[in-house]
C-alpha atoms as a PDB file:
ATOM      1  CA  MET A   1      -0.225  -0.091   0.044  1.00  0.00           C
ATOM      2  CA  GLY A   2       1.048   3.603  -0.488  1.00  0.00           C
ATOM      3  CA  ASN A   3       0.834   6.579   1.843  1.00  0.00           C
ATOM      4  CA  ARG A   4      -2.780   7.533   0.865  1.00  0.00           C
ATOM      5  CA  GLU A   5      -3.999   4.025   1.235  1.00  0.00           C
ATOM      6  CA  ASP A   6      -2.349   3.807   4.252  1.00  0.00           C
ATOM      7  CA  LEU A   7      -3.440   6.917   5.664  1.00  0.00           C
ATOM      8  CA  LEU A   8      -7.255   5.545   4.572  1.00  0.00           C
ATOM      9  CA  ALA A   9      -6.569   2.132   6.614  1.00  0.00           C
ATOM     10  CA  GLY A  10      -4.935   4.238   9.841  1.00  0.00           C
ATOM     11  CA  ALA A  11      -8.044   6.846   9.911  1.00  0.00           C
ATOM     12  CA  ARG A  12     -10.489   4.075  10.315  1.00  0.00           C
ATOM     13  CA  THR A  13      -8.576   2.422  12.596  1.00  0.00           C
ATOM     14  CA  ALA A  14      -8.098   5.625  14.792  1.00  0.00           C
ATOM     15  CA  ILE A  15     -11.762   6.794  14.004  1.00  0.00           C
ATOM     16  CA  LEU A  16     -12.875   3.376  15.568  1.00  0.00           C
ATOM     17  CA  GLU A  17     -10.405   3.471  18.567  1.00  0.00           C
ATOM     18  CA  ARG A  18     -11.308   7.130  19.692  1.00  0.00           C
ATOM     19  CA  GLY A  19     -14.209   8.357  18.164  1.00  0.00           C
ATOM     20  CA  LEU A  20     -14.812  10.475  15.309  1.00  0.00           C
ATOM     21  CA  ALA A  21     -14.973  13.737  17.931  1.00  0.00           C
ATOM     22  CA  LYS A  22     -12.034  12.978  19.401  1.00  0.00           C
ATOM     23  CA  VAL A  23      -9.371  11.759  16.332  1.00  0.00           C
ATOM     24  CA  THR A  24      -6.849  13.528  15.948  1.00  0.00           C
ATOM     25  CA  ALA A  25      -4.724  14.328  12.760  1.00  0.00           C
ATOM     26  CA  ARG A  26      -1.896  12.751  14.662  1.00  0.00           C
ATOM     27  CA  ASP A  27      -3.956  10.012  15.828  1.00  0.00           C
ATOM     28  CA  ILE A  28      -4.392   9.200  12.273  1.00  0.00           C
ATOM     29  CA  ALA A  29      -1.276   9.287  11.158  1.00  0.00           C
ATOM     30  CA  GLN A  30       0.259   7.205  14.092  1.00  0.00           C
ATOM     31  CA  ALA A  31      -2.259   4.752  13.332  1.00  0.00           C
ATOM     32  CA  ALA A  32      -0.869   4.869   9.470  1.00  0.00           C
ATOM     33  CA  GLY A  33       2.638   5.042   9.954  1.00  0.00           C
ATOM     34  CA  VAL A  34       3.248   8.087   8.225  1.00  0.00           C
ATOM     35  CA  SER A  35       4.114  11.614   8.665  1.00  0.00           C
ATOM     36  CA  LEU A  36       1.576  14.003   9.747  1.00  0.00           C
ATOM     37  CA  ALA A  37       2.341  16.126   6.865  1.00  0.00           C
ATOM     38  CA  ALA A  38       1.394  13.102   4.438  1.00  0.00           C
ATOM     39  CA  ILE A  39      -2.113  14.057   5.385  1.00  0.00           C
ATOM     40  CA  GLY A  40      -2.118  17.784   4.283  1.00  0.00           C
ATOM     41  CA  TYR A  41      -0.466  16.131   0.927  1.00  0.00           C
ATOM     42  CA  HIS A  42      -2.687  13.173  -0.218  1.00  0.00           C
ATOM     43  CA  PHE A  43      -5.707  14.913   1.338  1.00  0.00           C
ATOM     44  CA  GLY A  44      -5.260  18.414   2.093  1.00  0.00           C
ATOM     45  CA  SER A  45      -7.196  18.333   5.494  1.00  0.00           C
ATOM     46  CA  LYS A  46      -7.922  16.088   8.064  1.00  0.00           C
ATOM     47  CA  ASP A  47     -11.552  16.766   7.606  1.00  0.00           C
ATOM     48  CA  ARG A  48     -10.902  15.492   3.819  1.00  0.00           C
ATOM     49  CA  LEU A  49      -9.498  12.548   4.773  1.00  0.00           C
ATOM     50  CA  VAL A  50     -11.946  11.417   7.298  1.00  0.00           C
ATOM     51  CA  MET A  51     -14.737  12.341   5.407  1.00  0.00           C
ATOM     52  CA  GLU A  52     -13.191  10.252   2.711  1.00  0.00           C
ATOM     53  CA  THR A  53     -12.578   7.226   4.988  1.00  0.00           C
ATOM     54  CA  LEU A  54     -15.863   7.004   6.068  1.00  0.00           C
ATOM     55  CA  THR A  55     -17.651   7.638   2.726  1.00  0.00           C
ATOM     56  CA  GLU A  56     -15.413   4.445   1.449  1.00  0.00           C
ATOM     57  CA  GLY A  57     -15.266   2.133   4.174  1.00  0.00           C
ATOM     58  CA  VAL A  58     -18.871   2.617   5.570  1.00  0.00           C
ATOM     59  CA  GLY A  59     -19.916   3.260   2.135  1.00  0.00           C
ATOM     60  CA  THR A  60     -18.355  -0.352   0.630  1.00  0.00           C
ATOM     61  CA  GLU A  61     -19.284  -2.229   3.910  1.00  0.00           C
ATOM     62  CA  ILE A  62     -23.012  -0.585   3.836  1.00  0.00           C
ATOM     63  CA  GLY A  63     -23.268  -1.039   0.039  1.00  0.00           C
ATOM     64  CA  ASP A  64     -21.671  -5.081   0.344  1.00  0.00           C
ATOM     65  CA  GLY A  65     -24.760  -5.653   2.534  1.00  0.00           C
ATOM     66  CA  ILE A  66     -27.316  -3.877   0.174  1.00  0.00           C
ATOM     67  CA  ASP A  67     -25.769  -6.121  -2.810  1.00  0.00           C
ATOM     68  CA  ALA A  68     -26.379  -9.217  -1.439  1.00  0.00           C
ATOM     69  CA  ALA A  69     -29.970  -8.198  -0.245  1.00  0.00           C
ATOM     70  CA  ILE A  70     -30.847  -7.740  -3.373  1.00  0.00           C
ATOM     71  CA  LYS A  71     -29.102 -10.732  -4.741  1.00  0.00           C
ATOM     72  CA  ASP A  72     -30.451 -13.053  -2.038  1.00  0.00           C
ATOM     73  CA  ALA A  73     -34.122 -11.908  -2.586  1.00  0.00           C
ATOM     74  CA  GLY A  74     -34.132 -12.208  -6.356  1.00  0.00           C
ATOM     75  CA  GLU A  75     -33.234 -15.254  -6.775  1.00  0.00           C
ATOM     76  CA  GLY A  76     -35.681 -17.238  -9.512  1.00  0.00           C
ATOM     77  CA  ARG A  77     -37.856 -14.173  -8.583  1.00  0.00           C
ATOM     78  CA  THR A  78     -39.195 -11.060 -10.113  1.00  0.00           C
ATOM     79  CA  PRO A  79     -38.623  -7.571  -9.018  1.00  0.00           C
ATOM     80  CA  TRP A  80     -42.206  -7.138  -7.445  1.00  0.00           C
ATOM     81  CA  GLU A  81     -42.042 -10.638  -6.384  1.00  0.00           C
ATOM     82  CA  ALA A  82     -38.479  -9.828  -4.540  1.00  0.00           C
ATOM     83  CA  LEU A  83     -39.661  -6.730  -3.204  1.00  0.00           C
ATOM     84  CA  ALA A  84     -40.985  -7.553   0.287  1.00  0.00           C
ATOM     85  CA  ALA A  85     -37.782  -9.940   0.724  1.00  0.00           C
ATOM     86  CA  THR A  86     -35.395  -7.463  -0.345  1.00  0.00           C
ATOM     87  CA  TRP A  87     -36.843  -4.579   1.933  1.00  0.00           C
ATOM     88  CA  ASN A  88     -36.513  -7.301   4.884  1.00  0.00           C
ATOM     89  CA  GLY A  89     -32.950  -7.828   3.484  1.00  0.00           C
ATOM     90  CA  LEU A  90     -32.131  -3.877   4.070  1.00  0.00           C
ATOM     91  CA  VAL A  91     -33.881  -3.458   6.970  1.00  0.00           C
ATOM     92  CA  ASP A  92     -31.561  -6.512   8.640  1.00  0.00           C
ATOM     93  CA  VAL A  93     -28.155  -4.539   6.931  1.00  0.00           C
ATOM     94  CA  ALA A  94     -29.754  -0.951   8.669  1.00  0.00           C
ATOM     95  CA  TYR A  95     -30.182  -2.709  11.849  1.00  0.00           C
ATOM     96  CA  ASN A  96     -26.636  -4.997  12.046  1.00  0.00           C
ATOM     97  CA  ASN A  97     -24.700  -1.970  11.422  1.00  0.00           C
ATOM     98  CA  ARG A  98     -25.675   0.474  13.647  1.00  0.00           C
ATOM     99  CA  GLU A  99     -22.057   1.511  14.233  1.00  0.00           C
ATOM    100  CA  ALA A 100     -21.508   1.997  10.666  1.00  0.00           C
ATOM    101  CA  LEU A 101     -24.329   4.437  10.316  1.00  0.00           C
ATOM    102  CA  LEU A 102     -23.720   6.213  13.041  1.00  0.00           C
ATOM    103  CA  LEU A 103     -20.342   7.155  12.097  1.00  0.00           C
ATOM    104  CA  SER A 104     -21.995   7.908   8.816  1.00  0.00           C
ATOM    105  CA  LEU A 105     -24.587  10.135   9.906  1.00  0.00           C
ATOM    106  CA  GLU A 106     -21.872  11.838  12.088  1.00  0.00           C
ATOM    107  CA  ASN A 107     -19.897  12.588   8.991  1.00  0.00           C
ATOM    108  CA  GLY A 108     -22.553  13.901   6.892  1.00  0.00           C
ATOM    109  CA  VAL A 109     -23.104  16.451   9.387  1.00  0.00           C
ATOM    110  CA  GLN A 110     -20.106  18.063   8.820  1.00  0.00           C
ATOM    111  CA  ILE A 111     -20.309  17.097   5.226  1.00  0.00           C
ATOM    112  CA  SER A 112     -23.536  19.162   5.171  1.00  0.00           C
ATOM    113  CA  ARG A 113     -21.398  22.359   6.557  1.00  0.00           C
ATOM    114  CA  ASN A 114     -18.746  21.978   3.696  1.00  0.00           C
ATOM    115  CA  PRO A 115     -19.672  22.604  -0.243  1.00  0.00           C
ATOM    116  CA  GLU A 116     -16.396  21.313  -1.136  1.00  0.00           C
ATOM    117  CA  SER A 117     -17.550  18.425   0.750  1.00  0.00           C
ATOM    118  CA  GLN A 118     -21.119  18.199  -0.710  1.00  0.00           C
ATOM    119  CA  VAL A 119     -19.703  17.551  -4.196  1.00  0.00           C
ATOM    120  CA  TYR A 120     -17.311  14.852  -3.288  1.00  0.00           C
ATOM    121  CA  MET A 121     -20.582  13.299  -1.546  1.00  0.00           C
ATOM    122  CA  ALA A 122     -22.934  13.801  -4.770  1.00  0.00           C
ATOM    123  CA  ASP A 123     -20.391  12.142  -6.827  1.00  0.00           C
ATOM    124  CA  ALA A 124     -20.031   9.050  -4.268  1.00  0.00           C
ATOM    125  CA  THR A 125     -23.630   9.018  -4.366  1.00  0.00           C
ATOM    126  CA  ALA A 126     -23.825   8.724  -7.943  1.00  0.00           C
ATOM    127  CA  ARG A 127     -21.203   5.965  -7.765  1.00  0.00           C
ATOM    128  CA  ALA A 128     -23.231   4.223  -5.434  1.00  0.00           C
ATOM    129  CA  LEU A 129     -26.598   4.524  -7.319  1.00  0.00           C
ATOM    130  CA  ALA A 130     -24.752   3.044 -10.521  1.00  0.00           C
ATOM    131  CA  ASP A 131     -23.542   0.407  -8.341  1.00  0.00           C
ATOM    132  CA  MET A 132     -27.116  -0.338  -7.333  1.00  0.00           C
ATOM    133  CA  ALA A 133     -28.826  -0.153 -10.671  1.00  0.00           C
ATOM    134  CA  GLU A 134     -25.609  -2.457 -12.509  1.00  0.00           C
ATOM    135  CA  THR A 135     -26.704  -5.278  -9.147  1.00  0.00           C
ATOM    136  CA  LEU A 136     -30.581  -5.169 -10.005  1.00  0.00           C
ATOM    137  CA  ARG A 137     -29.944  -5.447 -13.879  1.00  0.00           C
ATOM    138  CA  GLY A 138     -27.435  -8.436 -13.285  1.00  0.00           C
ATOM    139  CA  VAL A 139     -30.418  -9.848 -10.932  1.00  0.00           C
ATOM    140  CA  TYR A 140     -33.271  -8.889 -13.204  1.00  0.00           C
ATOM    141  CA  PRO A 141     -32.136  -8.726 -16.599  1.00  0.00           C
ATOM    142  CA  ASP A 142     -35.405  -7.596 -17.882  1.00  0.00           C
ATOM    143  CA  LEU A 143     -35.063  -4.501 -16.207  1.00  0.00           C
ATOM    144  CA  SER A 144     -34.200  -1.776 -18.600  1.00  0.00           C
ATOM    145  CA  ALA A 145     -31.322   0.529 -17.527  1.00  0.00           C
ATOM    146  CA  GLU A 146     -33.994   3.583 -16.390  1.00  0.00           C
ATOM    147  CA  GLN A 147     -35.932   1.004 -14.362  1.00  0.00           C
ATOM    148  CA  ALA A 148     -33.040  -0.294 -12.702  1.00  0.00           C
ATOM    149  CA  ALA A 149     -31.741   3.236 -11.994  1.00  0.00           C
ATOM    150  CA  ALA A 150     -35.419   3.827 -10.834  1.00  0.00           C
ATOM    151  CA  VAL A 151     -35.635   1.173  -8.159  1.00  0.00           C
ATOM    152  CA  GLY A 152     -32.312   1.373  -7.098  1.00  0.00           C
ATOM    153  CA  ARG A 153     -32.835   5.000  -6.411  1.00  0.00           C
ATOM    154  CA  MET A 154     -36.033   4.362  -4.482  1.00  0.00           C
ATOM    155  CA  LEU A 155     -34.370   1.734  -2.571  1.00  0.00           C
ATOM    156  CA  PHE A 156     -31.236   4.092  -1.773  1.00  0.00           C
ATOM    157  CA  LEU A 157     -33.943   6.679  -0.823  1.00  0.00           C
ATOM    158  CA  LEU A 158     -35.781   4.609   1.731  1.00  0.00           C
ATOM    159  CA  PHE A 159     -32.937   2.964   3.398  1.00  0.00           C
ATOM    160  CA  GLN A 160     -31.919   6.529   4.132  1.00  0.00           C
ATOM    161  CA  GLY A 161     -34.877   7.239   6.315  1.00  0.00           C
ATOM    162  CA  LEU A 162     -34.915   3.467   7.553  1.00  0.00           C
ATOM    163  CA  SER A 163     -31.210   4.167   8.766  1.00  0.00           C
ATOM    164  CA  MET A 164     -32.207   7.248  10.069  1.00  0.00           C
ATOM    165  CA  GLN A 165     -34.871   5.137  12.093  1.00  0.00           C
ATOM    166  CA  SER A 166     -32.444   2.707  13.465  1.00  0.00           C
ATOM    167  CA  LEU A 167     -30.502   5.450  15.063  1.00  0.00           C
ATOM    168  CA  LEU A 168     -32.833   7.541  16.240  1.00  0.00           C
ATOM    169  CA  ALA A 169     -35.467   5.300  17.549  1.00  0.00           C
ATOM    170  CA  PRO A 170     -33.857   1.685  17.521  1.00  0.00           C
ATOM    171  CA  SER A 171     -36.805   0.284  19.667  1.00  0.00           C
ATOM    172  CA  ALA A 172     -39.500   1.678  17.166  1.00  0.00           C
ATOM    173  CA  GLU A 173     -41.156  -1.202  14.974  1.00  0.00           C
ATOM    174  CA  PRO A 174     -39.488  -0.920  11.650  1.00  0.00           C
ATOM    175  CA  PHE A 175     -41.279  -0.554   8.559  1.00  0.00           C
ATOM    176  CA  LEU A 176     -40.749  -4.224   7.332  1.00  0.00           C
ATOM    177  CA  GLY A 177     -41.592  -5.642   3.757  1.00  0.00           C
ATOM    178  CA  GLU A 178     -44.785  -6.882   4.074  1.00  0.00           C
ATOM    179  CA  ASP A 179     -45.724  -3.136   5.003  1.00  0.00           C
ATOM    180  CA  LEU A 180     -44.152  -1.745   2.220  1.00  0.00           C
ATOM    181  CA  MET A 181     -45.931  -3.669  -0.151  1.00  0.00           C
ATOM    182  CA  THR A 182     -49.130  -3.159   1.666  1.00  0.00           C
ATOM    183  CA  ALA A 183     -48.431   0.856   1.130  1.00  0.00           C
ATOM    184  CA  ILE A 184     -47.284   0.346  -2.396  1.00  0.00           C
ATOM    185  CA  GLU A 185     -50.953  -1.714  -3.134  1.00  0.00           C
ATOM    186  CA  ALA A 186     -52.800   0.568  -1.560  1.00  0.00           C
ATOM    187  CA  LEU A 187     -51.445   3.505  -3.781  1.00  0.00           C
ATOM    188  CA  ARG A 188     -51.932   1.387  -6.712  1.00  0.00           C
ATOM    189  CA  GLY A 189     -55.346   1.215  -5.601  1.00  0.00           C
ATOM    190  CA  ARG A 190     -55.769  -2.614  -4.458  1.00  0.00           C
END
């Protein structure tokens, strides 16, 4: 690994050990085994390094769970037949990744105050949505690219709300796949 990759790994380690609010640039450099100046050289600031670490690391972890939920539910089914099971898989991802989502939320608050970070996040979100659409097309080859993108975006946005509920009200009854199907059928007039 190069210094950039070492810094990303070191930042993840330091954040998990010290917490997002307490981690310092020195903690990160020490965990990465590089000089403090390497942070500025590769990322410009500690905040940018932390944002990228959490966006890439947590995003990959959560994204892998989302991909697995889509693939596991879709085996031999149409998208409609798999929707409740897919959603229940996403509920599991949210409730089983509390710490990762909490770090993501803390990171999100910092991103919301920094226009440069918002641009980075918009690009990261576009990549995540493209990955979801690709997964959906792989599981459901009859979906058009436009349909896969729309389904992926819907699931992504609903997952964001689910994630907030799992963090802010973890004992509240989750909105399950059966609930989602009931709501959609009601909207369709059935």
